[in-house]
Amino acid sequence: MFRFFIVRKWLLWAWAGSFTILSSLWVQVQIDVKINEWFGQFYDMIQKALGEPNAITIEEYWRSLFDFISLAGTYVAVAVVVSYFTSHFLFRWRTAMVEWYHSVYDRARKIEGAAQRVQEDTIKFSRIMEGLGTSFIEAIMVIVEFLPILLGLSIGIPIFFFGDWDYGLVVGALIWSIGGTLFLVALGLILRLVGIEYDLQKKEAAYRKILVIAEDDGSVRPKTIEELFFEVRGIHFLSYIRYLYFNIGRIAYLQANVLSAYVFLAPAIVAGVVTLGVMQQIIRAFGRVEGSMQYILKAWPTIIELASVYKRLREFERQIQLHEIQSKSLS
């Protein structure tokens, strides 16, 4: 799966492409930081305008909105280019994978579900990596950039439970985010969601294979097809009930998450020690840090699917290597 990064043919795309994507994501995060600063200035201006008539001019108001449009426009332009380039990058990665599978397909075709692994699983792998991989890297960059901002904004502000401790807001975000993520990861492991996804794909592959055979072979009994579909139905129903339990915990946590920043800031808001602009900056920075630390939690269903695809492809490659060893021993 990772020959893309070591085969000479793909080295330029692999390493230069990775650097380009990382650099572009860093630019997006820097723009996001500037947008966060804009929110603080804008809401302070709004508070000033609402507190005293004609405290600001209409020109200042329009200029502030134009500043946001400029930042947002730049962000959109960079994001669109990064998305386009990432799609090409990951298709090259997929090409590097399937080229090797094609080169050994005379042996690989004898393995159960070979066609699905080469066609469907490789495209799933590249598509999931397109969203999941870039989001993971961006989440790390956001934490690196926004944690110091959050710390600087919260100094001297009373925080619920932590009082006047300067690190209270940051530690609160860490406890809430990491605690929730660990809870959901543990729940996913207890419910064996990765295993369920893997079993589901195996049952679907077996069902599809018998349908393909039945197209050309009239001797295939309908009962055989029905038996396989019964197994497909069973594994799907089992996955539904497992995800039902998982989603109860996940959705409940995410709904409670909406109020987390306001809960921590309750003493400061009630005491009136922060302006509207500073409050907005803190809440937005808190949300960005919290959201990035909850990356695994929010992306857990996709991570499960990626883990299942990785497991199938890794098993496929091991079987190919085993066939090669057996062929050499026989010769």
Foldseek 3Di string as FASTA:
>chain_A
DPCLCVDPVNVCLVPVVVVVLLVLLLVLLVLVLVVLVLLLVLQLVVVQCVVDPPSDDVVVNVVSVVVNVVSVVVNVVSVVVSLVSLLVSLVVVLVVVLVVCVVLVVLLVVDQLSVCLSPVLSVLLSVLCSPLVSLLSSLVSLLVPLVVVLLVLQQQAQWPPVGNPSCVLVVLLCCLQVVLLVVLVVLCVVLVLLVLLLVLVSLVSVLVVLVVVVVPDVVSDVVVSVVSVVVNVVSVVSNVVSVVVSVVSLVVSVVVVVCSLVNGNVVRVVVVVDRPSSSSSNVVSSCSNSCSSNSCSVCVVSVSNSSSSVVVNVVSVVVSVVSVVVVVVVD
